[in-house]
Amino acid sequence: MGSTLLLPNRSKFYFSDSDKREVLMWSKQQTVAEPPAVSPSQAPASPVVPFNQPSSGKLGGAPARGSARLGASIQIKGQVTGTEDLQIDGIVDGPISLKGHELTVGSTAQLTSEIHAGEVIAYGKVVGNIHARGRVDIKKDGSIIGDIDSARISIEDGAHFKGRIEIDPAKSQSAS
């Protein structure tokens, strides 16, 4: 049974006379009978982590709406702000503001931050206060040292938390 294969096709688009861009497009180019088989020696040596999964490969990554990711080798000293969901697997030293959006702290992440977000899921380490309109989840290997102010909280067995918790269920209702 044949299938259609999409191959790259370079096209030039002109948005204005001064703005000429070459864009890589995808178009139907060829029909193939069977995709080539990948032998075990050609398979990746390490497991591939999907974009919306924490770096540990655990389930529960960012939802399908617009999201971004800072990889494990990224180090930021300064303020991080955004209007989309964010997964951090690297090191951040500075405030994080994602009001109304989800922050996922990956298993390799180390954050020294004052965090303002819609929801926070912590697989890694956070030192600093967390303010969430929705839920804060501290997963099995997650660690938070600081105060939490949120509508709901979940702390899995094996997680580490040191600080104060203020639960205000009205936060999530007023955010709707």
N, C-alpha and C. Protein backbone atom coordinates (compact mmCIF):
# COMPACT_ATOMS: atom_id res chain seq x y z
N MET A 1 0.84 -1.18 0.00
CA MET A 1 0.00 0.00 0.00
C MET A 1 0.89 1.23 0.00
N GLY A 2 0.71 2.14 -0.96
CA GLY A 2 1.56 3.32 -1.09
C GLY A 2 1.12 4.44 -0.16
N SER A 3 2.06 5.33 0.15
CA SER A 3 1.76 6.50 0.97
C SER A 3 2.44 7.71 0.36
N THR A 4 1.92 8.88 0.66
CA THR A 4 2.48 10.11 0.12
C THR A 4 3.56 10.63 1.05
N LEU A 5 4.68 11.01 0.50
CA LEU A 5 5.81 11.51 1.27
C LEU A 5 5.93 13.01 1.02
N LEU A 6 6.07 13.80 2.07
CA LEU A 6 6.25 15.23 1.93
C LEU A 6 7.74 15.55 1.92
N LEU A 7 8.18 16.24 0.90
CA LEU A 7 9.59 16.61 0.77
C LEU A 7 9.73 18.12 0.74
N PRO A 8 10.91 18.63 1.17
CA PRO A 8 11.11 20.07 1.18
C PRO A 8 11.14 20.64 -0.23
N ASN A 9 10.62 21.86 -0.37
CA ASN A 9 10.58 22.55 -1.64
C ASN A 9 10.82 24.03 -1.35
N ARG A 10 11.92 24.60 -1.83
CA ARG A 10 12.23 26.02 -1.57
C ARG A 10 11.40 26.90 -2.49
N SER A 11 10.72 27.88 -1.92
CA SER A 11 9.92 28.82 -2.68
C SER A 11 10.27 30.23 -2.23
N LYS A 12 10.17 31.20 -3.14
CA LYS A 12 10.43 32.59 -2.79
C LYS A 12 9.10 33.32 -2.68
N PHE A 13 8.93 34.05 -1.57
CA PHE A 13 7.74 34.84 -1.34
C PHE A 13 8.13 36.30 -1.26
N TYR A 14 7.32 37.16 -1.81
CA TYR A 14 7.58 38.59 -1.79
C TYR A 14 6.44 39.27 -1.02
N PHE A 15 6.75 39.70 0.21
CA PHE A 15 5.77 40.39 1.03
C PHE A 15 5.69 41.87 0.62
N SER A 16 6.80 42.41 0.17
CA SER A 16 6.88 43.76 -0.38
C SER A 16 8.14 43.80 -1.23
N ASP A 17 8.34 44.88 -1.99
CA ASP A 17 9.53 44.96 -2.84
C ASP A 17 10.81 44.90 -2.04
N SER A 18 10.79 45.44 -0.81
CA SER A 18 12.01 45.46 0.00
C SER A 18 12.18 44.21 0.84
N ASP A 19 11.14 43.41 0.99
CA ASP A 19 11.19 42.23 1.85
C ASP A 19 11.04 40.98 1.01
N LYS A 20 12.17 40.41 0.59
CA LYS A 20 12.16 39.19 -0.22
C LYS A 20 12.72 38.07 0.64
N ARG A 21 11.95 37.02 0.83
CA ARG A 21 12.37 35.92 1.70
C ARG A 21 12.28 34.60 0.96
N GLU A 22 13.26 33.75 1.21
CA GLU A 22 13.21 32.39 0.69
C GLU A 22 12.68 31.51 1.81
N VAL A 23 11.63 30.77 1.55
CA VAL A 23 10.95 29.99 2.56
C VAL A 23 11.00 28.52 2.19
N LEU A 24 11.26 27.67 3.18
CA LEU A 24 11.25 26.23 2.95
C LEU A 24 9.82 25.74 3.14
N MET A 25 9.23 25.23 2.10
CA MET A 25 7.85 24.74 2.13
C MET A 25 7.87 23.22 2.03
N TRP A 26 6.76 22.61 2.35
CA TRP A 26 6.62 21.16 2.22
C TRP A 26 5.55 20.90 1.17
N SER A 27 5.85 20.02 0.25
CA SER A 27 4.87 19.69 -0.78
C SER A 27 4.93 18.21 -1.10
N LYS A 28 3.82 17.70 -1.65
CA LYS A 28 3.75 16.29 -2.03
C LYS A 28 4.64 16.09 -3.25
N GLN A 29 5.65 15.26 -3.12
CA GLN A 29 6.60 15.07 -4.20
C GLN A 29 6.64 13.64 -4.74
N GLN A 30 6.31 12.68 -3.89
CA GLN A 30 6.60 11.32 -4.29
C GLN A 30 5.68 10.36 -3.56
N THR A 31 5.38 9.25 -4.20
CA THR A 31 4.64 8.19 -3.55
C THR A 31 5.58 7.02 -3.37
N VAL A 32 5.63 6.50 -2.15
CA VAL A 32 6.53 5.38 -1.87
C VAL A 32 5.70 4.19 -1.41
N ALA A 33 6.20 3.00 -1.71
CA ALA A 33 5.48 1.79 -1.34
C ALA A 33 5.60 1.51 0.15
N GLU A 34 6.79 1.54 0.68
CA GLU A 34 7.04 1.24 2.08
C GLU A 34 8.11 2.19 2.61
N PRO A 35 7.96 2.67 3.84
CA PRO A 35 9.04 3.48 4.40
C PRO A 35 10.25 2.59 4.69
N PRO A 36 11.46 3.14 4.60
CA PRO A 36 12.64 2.32 4.85
C PRO A 36 12.67 1.85 6.30
N ALA A 37 13.08 0.61 6.48
CA ALA A 37 13.17 0.04 7.83
C ALA A 37 14.42 0.58 8.52
N VAL A 38 14.30 0.79 9.83
CA VAL A 38 15.43 1.26 10.63
C VAL A 38 15.96 0.08 11.41
N SER A 39 17.22 -0.24 11.20
CA SER A 39 17.82 -1.34 11.94
C SER A 39 18.15 -0.87 13.34
N PRO A 40 18.28 -1.78 14.31
CA PRO A 40 18.61 -1.39 15.68
C PRO A 40 19.90 -0.58 15.77
N SER A 41 20.86 -0.81 14.87
CA SER A 41 22.11 -0.06 14.92
C SER A 41 21.91 1.38 14.48
N GLN A 42 20.83 1.68 13.73
CA GLN A 42 20.56 3.04 13.29
C GLN A 42 19.65 3.78 14.25
N ALA A 43 19.06 3.10 15.21
CA ALA A 43 18.15 3.73 16.16
C ALA A 43 18.93 4.66 17.08
N PRO A 44 18.28 5.73 17.59
CA PRO A 44 18.97 6.64 18.50
C PRO A 44 19.47 5.90 19.73
N ALA A 45 20.65 6.29 20.24
CA ALA A 45 21.24 5.64 21.40
C ALA A 45 20.46 5.95 22.67
N SER A 46 19.92 7.17 22.77
CA SER A 46 19.16 7.54 23.95
C SER A 46 17.70 7.74 23.55
N PRO A 47 16.79 7.58 24.51
CA PRO A 47 15.39 7.75 24.16
C PRO A 47 15.12 9.20 23.77
N VAL A 48 14.22 9.38 22.81
CA VAL A 48 13.86 10.71 22.37
C VAL A 48 12.72 11.19 23.25
N VAL A 49 12.86 12.39 23.85
CA VAL A 49 11.84 12.94 24.71
C VAL A 49 10.97 13.87 23.89
N PRO A 50 9.66 13.59 23.80
CA PRO A 50 8.77 14.48 23.06
C PRO A 50 8.83 15.88 23.64
N PHE A 51 8.55 16.89 22.80
CA PHE A 51 8.65 18.28 23.21
C PHE A 51 7.84 18.60 24.45
N ASN A 52 6.65 18.05 24.56
CA ASN A 52 5.79 18.42 25.68
C ASN A 52 5.95 17.51 26.89
N GLN A 53 7.02 16.76 26.97
CA GLN A 53 7.27 15.89 28.12
C GLN A 53 8.39 16.47 28.97
N PRO A 54 8.33 16.28 30.29
CA PRO A 54 9.46 16.68 31.12
C PRO A 54 10.70 15.90 30.69
N SER A 55 11.88 16.44 30.97
CA SER A 55 13.10 15.81 30.48
C SER A 55 13.30 14.41 31.03
N SER A 56 12.64 14.07 32.13
CA SER A 56 12.76 12.73 32.68
C SER A 56 11.94 11.72 31.91
N GLY A 57 11.11 12.20 30.97
CA GLY A 57 10.26 11.31 30.20
C GLY A 57 8.99 10.93 30.93
N LYS A 58 8.76 11.53 32.11
CA LYS A 58 7.55 11.24 32.86
C LYS A 58 6.36 11.84 32.14
N LEU A 59 5.19 11.30 32.41
CA LEU A 59 3.97 11.81 31.79
C LEU A 59 3.57 13.11 32.46
N GLY A 60 2.71 13.87 31.79
CA GLY A 60 2.16 15.07 32.39
C GLY A 60 2.83 16.34 31.92
N GLY A 61 3.26 16.39 30.67
CA GLY A 61 3.91 17.58 30.14
C GLY A 61 2.91 18.69 29.88
N ALA A 62 3.39 19.75 29.26
CA ALA A 62 2.58 20.92 28.98
C ALA A 62 1.43 20.58 28.04
N PRO A 63 0.30 21.25 28.18
CA PRO A 63 -0.82 20.99 27.29
C PRO A 63 -0.53 21.41 25.86
N ALA A 64 -1.46 21.10 24.96
CA ALA A 64 -1.24 21.29 23.53
C ALA A 64 -1.21 22.75 23.09
N ARG A 65 -1.80 23.67 23.88
CA ARG A 65 -1.77 25.07 23.45
C ARG A 65 -0.33 25.55 23.36
N GLY A 66 -0.09 26.74 22.81
CA GLY A 66 1.26 27.25 22.57
C GLY A 66 2.18 27.03 23.75
N SER A 67 3.33 26.44 23.52
CA SER A 67 4.26 26.19 24.61
C SER A 67 5.69 26.36 24.12
N ALA A 68 6.59 26.61 25.07
CA ALA A 68 8.00 26.79 24.77
C ALA A 68 8.81 25.97 25.75
N ARG A 69 10.09 25.74 25.40
CA ARG A 69 10.94 24.92 26.25
C ARG A 69 12.34 25.51 26.32
N LEU A 70 12.88 25.58 27.53
CA LEU A 70 14.28 25.95 27.75
C LEU A 70 15.01 24.66 28.10
N GLY A 71 15.93 24.23 27.26
CA GLY A 71 16.61 22.96 27.43
C GLY A 71 17.55 22.91 28.62
N ALA A 72 18.04 21.72 28.92
CA ALA A 72 18.88 21.47 30.08
C ALA A 72 20.20 22.24 30.04
N SER A 73 20.69 22.59 28.87
CA SER A 73 21.97 23.31 28.79
C SER A 73 21.80 24.83 28.87
N ILE A 74 20.56 25.30 28.97
CA ILE A 74 20.28 26.74 29.01
C ILE A 74 20.38 27.26 30.44
N GLN A 75 21.11 28.38 30.61
CA GLN A 75 21.21 29.06 31.90
C GLN A 75 20.81 30.51 31.70
N ILE A 76 19.87 30.98 32.52
CA ILE A 76 19.39 32.36 32.40
C ILE A 76 19.53 33.04 33.75
N LYS A 77 20.13 34.23 33.72
CA LYS A 77 20.20 35.06 34.92
C LYS A 77 19.45 36.34 34.56
N GLY A 78 18.25 36.48 35.08
CA GLY A 78 17.41 37.62 34.74
C GLY A 78 15.95 37.21 34.73
N GLN A 79 15.11 38.13 34.30
CA GLN A 79 13.66 37.94 34.32
C GLN A 79 13.19 37.14 33.11
N VAL A 80 12.27 36.20 33.36
CA VAL A 80 11.63 35.42 32.29
C VAL A 80 10.14 35.75 32.32
N THR A 81 9.61 36.25 31.20
CA THR A 81 8.18 36.53 31.11
C THR A 81 7.66 35.89 29.83
N GLY A 82 6.37 35.58 29.82
CA GLY A 82 5.80 34.98 28.62
C GLY A 82 4.30 34.94 28.66
N THR A 83 3.73 34.68 27.49
CA THR A 83 2.28 34.55 27.36
C THR A 83 1.93 33.20 26.75
N GLU A 84 2.71 32.19 27.10
CA GLU A 84 2.45 30.82 26.68
C GLU A 84 3.00 29.89 27.74
N ASP A 85 2.63 28.63 27.67
CA ASP A 85 3.14 27.63 28.61
C ASP A 85 4.63 27.48 28.40
N LEU A 86 5.34 27.14 29.47
CA LEU A 86 6.80 27.03 29.40
C LEU A 86 7.26 25.83 30.19
N GLN A 87 8.20 25.08 29.61
CA GLN A 87 8.88 24.00 30.32
C GLN A 87 10.33 24.39 30.44
N ILE A 88 10.86 24.36 31.67
CA ILE A 88 12.26 24.70 31.91
C ILE A 88 12.98 23.44 32.38
N ASP A 89 14.07 23.11 31.69
CA ASP A 89 14.91 21.98 32.08
C ASP A 89 16.30 22.45 32.51
N GLY A 90 16.58 23.74 32.36
CA GLY A 90 17.89 24.29 32.67
C GLY A 90 17.90 25.03 34.00
N ILE A 91 18.76 26.06 34.08
CA ILE A 91 18.96 26.83 35.30
C ILE A 91 18.45 28.25 35.08
N VAL A 92 17.61 28.73 35.99
CA VAL A 92 17.11 30.10 35.92
C VAL A 92 17.31 30.75 37.28
N ASP A 93 17.94 31.93 37.27
CA ASP A 93 18.13 32.73 38.48
C ASP A 93 17.48 34.08 38.22
N GLY A 94 16.25 34.24 38.66
CA GLY A 94 15.51 35.48 38.45
C GLY A 94 14.02 35.21 38.40
N PRO A 95 13.21 36.26 38.46
CA PRO A 95 11.75 36.08 38.50
C PRO A 95 11.19 35.50 37.20
N ILE A 96 10.11 34.72 37.36
CA ILE A 96 9.42 34.11 36.21
C ILE A 96 7.96 34.53 36.29
N SER A 97 7.44 35.10 35.21
CA SER A 97 6.04 35.54 35.17
C SER A 97 5.35 34.98 33.93
N LEU A 98 4.46 34.03 34.15
CA LEU A 98 3.67 33.41 33.07
C LEU A 98 2.20 33.46 33.47
N LYS A 99 1.74 34.60 33.90
CA LYS A 99 0.38 34.72 34.44
C LYS A 99 -0.64 34.08 33.50
N GLY A 100 -1.43 33.18 34.07
CA GLY A 100 -2.46 32.50 33.30
C GLY A 100 -1.95 31.30 32.50
N HIS A 101 -0.67 31.01 32.58
CA HIS A 101 -0.11 29.90 31.81
C HIS A 101 0.62 28.92 32.73
N GLU A 102 0.92 27.75 32.18
CA GLU A 102 1.52 26.67 32.96
C GLU A 102 3.04 26.69 32.88
N LEU A 103 3.68 26.53 34.03
CA LEU A 103 5.13 26.37 34.09
C LEU A 103 5.42 24.94 34.52
N THR A 104 6.19 24.22 33.71
CA THR A 104 6.64 22.88 34.07
C THR A 104 8.12 22.97 34.38
N VAL A 105 8.49 22.58 35.60
CA VAL A 105 9.88 22.56 36.04
C VAL A 105 10.37 21.14 35.80
N GLY A 106 11.18 20.94 34.77
CA GLY A 106 11.67 19.61 34.40
C GLY A 106 12.57 19.01 35.46
N SER A 107 12.82 17.73 35.38
CA SER A 107 13.59 17.01 36.41
C SER A 107 15.03 17.49 36.53
N THR A 108 15.59 18.11 35.48
CA THR A 108 16.97 18.62 35.54
C THR A 108 17.02 20.11 35.87
N ALA A 109 15.87 20.74 36.04
CA ALA A 109 15.81 22.19 36.27
C ALA A 109 16.21 22.57 37.69
N GLN A 110 16.84 23.75 37.78
CA GLN A 110 17.17 24.35 39.06
C GLN A 110 16.78 25.83 38.97
N LEU A 111 15.71 26.20 39.68
CA LEU A 111 15.21 27.56 39.62
C LEU A 111 15.40 28.26 40.96
N THR A 112 15.97 29.44 40.93
CA THR A 112 16.01 30.33 42.08
C THR A 112 15.17 31.52 41.65
N SER A 113 13.87 31.46 41.94
CA SER A 113 12.93 32.37 41.31
C SER A 113 11.71 32.66 42.16
N GLU A 114 11.18 33.86 41.99
CA GLU A 114 9.83 34.21 42.44
C GLU A 114 8.95 33.91 41.23
N ILE A 115 8.00 32.99 41.37
CA ILE A 115 7.23 32.51 40.22
C ILE A 115 5.78 32.96 40.32
N HIS A 116 5.27 33.53 39.22
CA HIS A 116 3.86 33.88 39.06
C HIS A 116 3.37 33.16 37.81
N ALA A 117 2.42 32.22 37.98
CA ALA A 117 1.94 31.43 36.84
C ALA A 117 0.50 30.99 37.10
N GLY A 118 -0.15 30.51 36.04
CA GLY A 118 -1.48 29.94 36.20
C GLY A 118 -1.41 28.63 36.97
N GLU A 119 -0.49 27.76 36.55
CA GLU A 119 -0.25 26.48 37.23
C GLU A 119 1.24 26.18 37.20
N VAL A 120 1.71 25.44 38.21
CA VAL A 120 3.12 25.05 38.28
C VAL A 120 3.19 23.55 38.55
N ILE A 121 3.98 22.85 37.74
CA ILE A 121 4.24 21.42 37.93
C ILE A 121 5.74 21.28 38.14
N ALA A 122 6.15 20.77 39.31
CA ALA A 122 7.57 20.71 39.65
C ALA A 122 8.07 19.27 39.70
N TYR A 123 8.91 18.92 38.71
CA TYR A 123 9.65 17.65 38.72
C TYR A 123 11.06 17.90 39.23
N GLY A 124 11.52 19.15 39.16
CA GLY A 124 12.88 19.53 39.54
C GLY A 124 12.88 20.39 40.79
N LYS A 125 13.92 21.25 40.91
CA LYS A 125 14.17 22.00 42.14
C LYS A 125 13.81 23.48 41.97
N VAL A 126 13.04 24.00 42.94
CA VAL A 126 12.69 25.42 42.97
C VAL A 126 13.04 25.96 44.35
N VAL A 127 13.79 27.07 44.37
CA VAL A 127 14.04 27.81 45.59
C VAL A 127 13.43 29.19 45.37
N GLY A 128 12.36 29.49 46.08
CA GLY A 128 11.65 30.75 45.92
C GLY A 128 10.16 30.56 46.08
N ASN A 129 9.46 31.66 46.17
CA ASN A 129 8.01 31.62 46.38
C ASN A 129 7.27 31.40 45.07
N ILE A 130 6.13 30.70 45.18
CA ILE A 130 5.30 30.40 44.01
C ILE A 130 3.91 30.96 44.24
N HIS A 131 3.42 31.73 43.26
CA HIS A 131 2.07 32.29 43.28
C HIS A 131 1.35 31.74 42.04
N ALA A 132 0.34 30.90 42.26
CA ALA A 132 -0.37 30.28 41.13
C ALA A 132 -1.87 30.51 41.29
N ARG A 133 -2.53 30.87 40.18
CA ARG A 133 -3.98 31.04 40.22
C ARG A 133 -4.68 29.69 40.28
N GLY A 134 -4.06 28.67 39.76
CA GLY A 134 -4.65 27.33 39.75
C GLY A 134 -3.94 26.41 40.72
N ARG A 135 -3.37 25.36 40.18
CA ARG A 135 -2.79 24.29 40.97
C ARG A 135 -1.27 24.34 40.97
N VAL A 136 -0.67 23.89 42.08
CA VAL A 136 0.76 23.64 42.17
C VAL A 136 0.92 22.15 42.45
N ASP A 137 1.63 21.44 41.58
CA ASP A 137 1.90 20.01 41.75
C ASP A 137 3.39 19.82 42.00
N ILE A 138 3.72 19.18 43.12
CA ILE A 138 5.11 18.82 43.38
C ILE A 138 5.19 17.31 43.17
N LYS A 139 5.89 16.91 42.13
CA LYS A 139 5.97 15.50 41.76
C LYS A 139 6.97 14.76 42.64
N LYS A 140 7.00 13.44 42.49
CA LYS A 140 7.77 12.53 43.33
C LYS A 140 9.19 13.00 43.63
N ASP A 141 9.94 13.40 42.63
CA ASP A 141 11.32 13.82 42.83
C ASP A 141 11.48 15.34 42.85
N GLY A 142 10.37 16.07 42.87
CA GLY A 142 10.42 17.53 42.88
C GLY A 142 10.77 18.07 44.25
N SER A 143 11.28 19.31 44.26
CA SER A 143 11.68 19.95 45.51
C SER A 143 11.34 21.44 45.44
N ILE A 144 10.61 21.93 46.43
CA ILE A 144 10.32 23.35 46.53
C ILE A 144 10.68 23.83 47.92
N ILE A 145 11.52 24.86 47.97
CA ILE A 145 11.86 25.52 49.22
C ILE A 145 11.37 26.96 49.07
N GLY A 146 10.27 27.27 49.72
CA GLY A 146 9.66 28.59 49.61
C GLY A 146 8.18 28.49 49.87
N ASP A 147 7.54 29.64 49.93
CA ASP A 147 6.11 29.68 50.22
C ASP A 147 5.30 29.49 48.94
N ILE A 148 4.13 28.85 49.10
CA ILE A 148 3.23 28.60 47.98
C ILE A 148 1.90 29.27 48.27
N ASP A 149 1.41 30.04 47.31
CA ASP A 149 0.12 30.71 47.39
C ASP A 149 -0.65 30.28 46.14
N SER A 150 -1.67 29.42 46.31
CA SER A 150 -2.39 28.91 45.14
C SER A 150 -3.81 28.50 45.52
N ALA A 151 -4.58 28.14 44.50
CA ALA A 151 -5.95 27.67 44.72
C ALA A 151 -5.97 26.21 45.15
N ARG A 152 -5.04 25.41 44.63
CA ARG A 152 -4.96 23.98 44.95
C ARG A 152 -3.50 23.57 45.00
N ILE A 153 -3.22 22.49 45.72
CA ILE A 153 -1.85 21.97 45.77
C ILE A 153 -1.89 20.46 45.86
N SER A 154 -0.88 19.84 45.25
CA SER A 154 -0.72 18.39 45.30
C SER A 154 0.75 18.10 45.53
N ILE A 155 1.05 17.30 46.55
CA ILE A 155 2.43 16.93 46.85
C ILE A 155 2.50 15.41 46.84
N GLU A 156 3.23 14.85 45.88
CA GLU A 156 3.35 13.40 45.78
C GLU A 156 4.28 12.85 46.85
N ASP A 157 4.06 11.59 47.20
CA ASP A 157 4.93 10.90 48.13
C ASP A 157 6.35 10.89 47.57
N GLY A 158 7.33 11.29 48.36
CA GLY A 158 8.72 11.34 47.92
C GLY A 158 9.17 12.74 47.54
N ALA A 159 8.22 13.67 47.37
CA ALA A 159 8.57 15.06 47.04
C ALA A 159 9.10 15.76 48.28
N HIS A 160 9.84 16.86 48.06
CA HIS A 160 10.39 17.65 49.16
C HIS A 160 9.76 19.04 49.13
N PHE A 161 9.25 19.48 50.29
CA PHE A 161 8.70 20.83 50.40
C PHE A 161 9.06 21.41 51.75
N LYS A 162 9.57 22.65 51.74
CA LYS A 162 9.84 23.36 52.98
C LYS A 162 9.37 24.79 52.79
N GLY A 163 8.36 25.18 53.54
CA GLY A 163 7.81 26.53 53.42
C GLY A 163 6.40 26.57 53.95
N ARG A 164 5.71 27.65 53.63
CA ARG A 164 4.32 27.83 54.04
C ARG A 164 3.42 27.67 52.83
N ILE A 165 2.19 27.24 53.11
CA ILE A 165 1.20 27.08 52.04
C ILE A 165 -0.03 27.91 52.40
N GLU A 166 -0.48 28.71 51.45
CA GLU A 166 -1.74 29.44 51.61
C GLU A 166 -2.65 29.03 50.46
N ILE A 167 -3.75 28.36 50.82
CA ILE A 167 -4.71 27.87 49.83
C ILE A 167 -5.88 28.85 49.79
N ASP A 168 -6.20 29.32 48.60
CA ASP A 168 -7.34 30.22 48.40
C ASP A 168 -8.11 29.74 47.17
N PRO A 169 -9.12 28.85 47.37
CA PRO A 169 -9.87 28.31 46.23
C PRO A 169 -10.53 29.38 45.38
N ALA A 170 -10.80 30.55 45.94
CA ALA A 170 -11.43 31.63 45.19
C ALA A 170 -10.52 32.15 44.08
N LYS A 171 -9.22 31.91 44.18
CA LYS A 171 -8.27 32.36 43.14
C LYS A 171 -8.63 31.78 41.79
N SER A 172 -8.89 30.48 41.73
CA SER A 172 -9.17 29.85 40.44
C SER A 172 -10.52 30.29 39.90
N GLN A 173 -11.49 30.57 40.77
CA GLN A 173 -12.80 31.03 40.32
C GLN A 173 -12.74 32.46 39.81
N SER A 174 -11.95 33.32 40.46
CA SER A 174 -11.84 34.71 40.01
C SER A 174 -11.03 34.82 38.73
N ALA A 175 -10.18 33.83 38.45
CA ALA A 175 -9.36 33.84 37.24
C ALA A 175 -10.17 33.44 36.01
N SER A 176 -11.31 32.76 36.20
CA SER A 176 -12.11 32.29 35.06
C SER A 176 -12.84 33.40 34.37
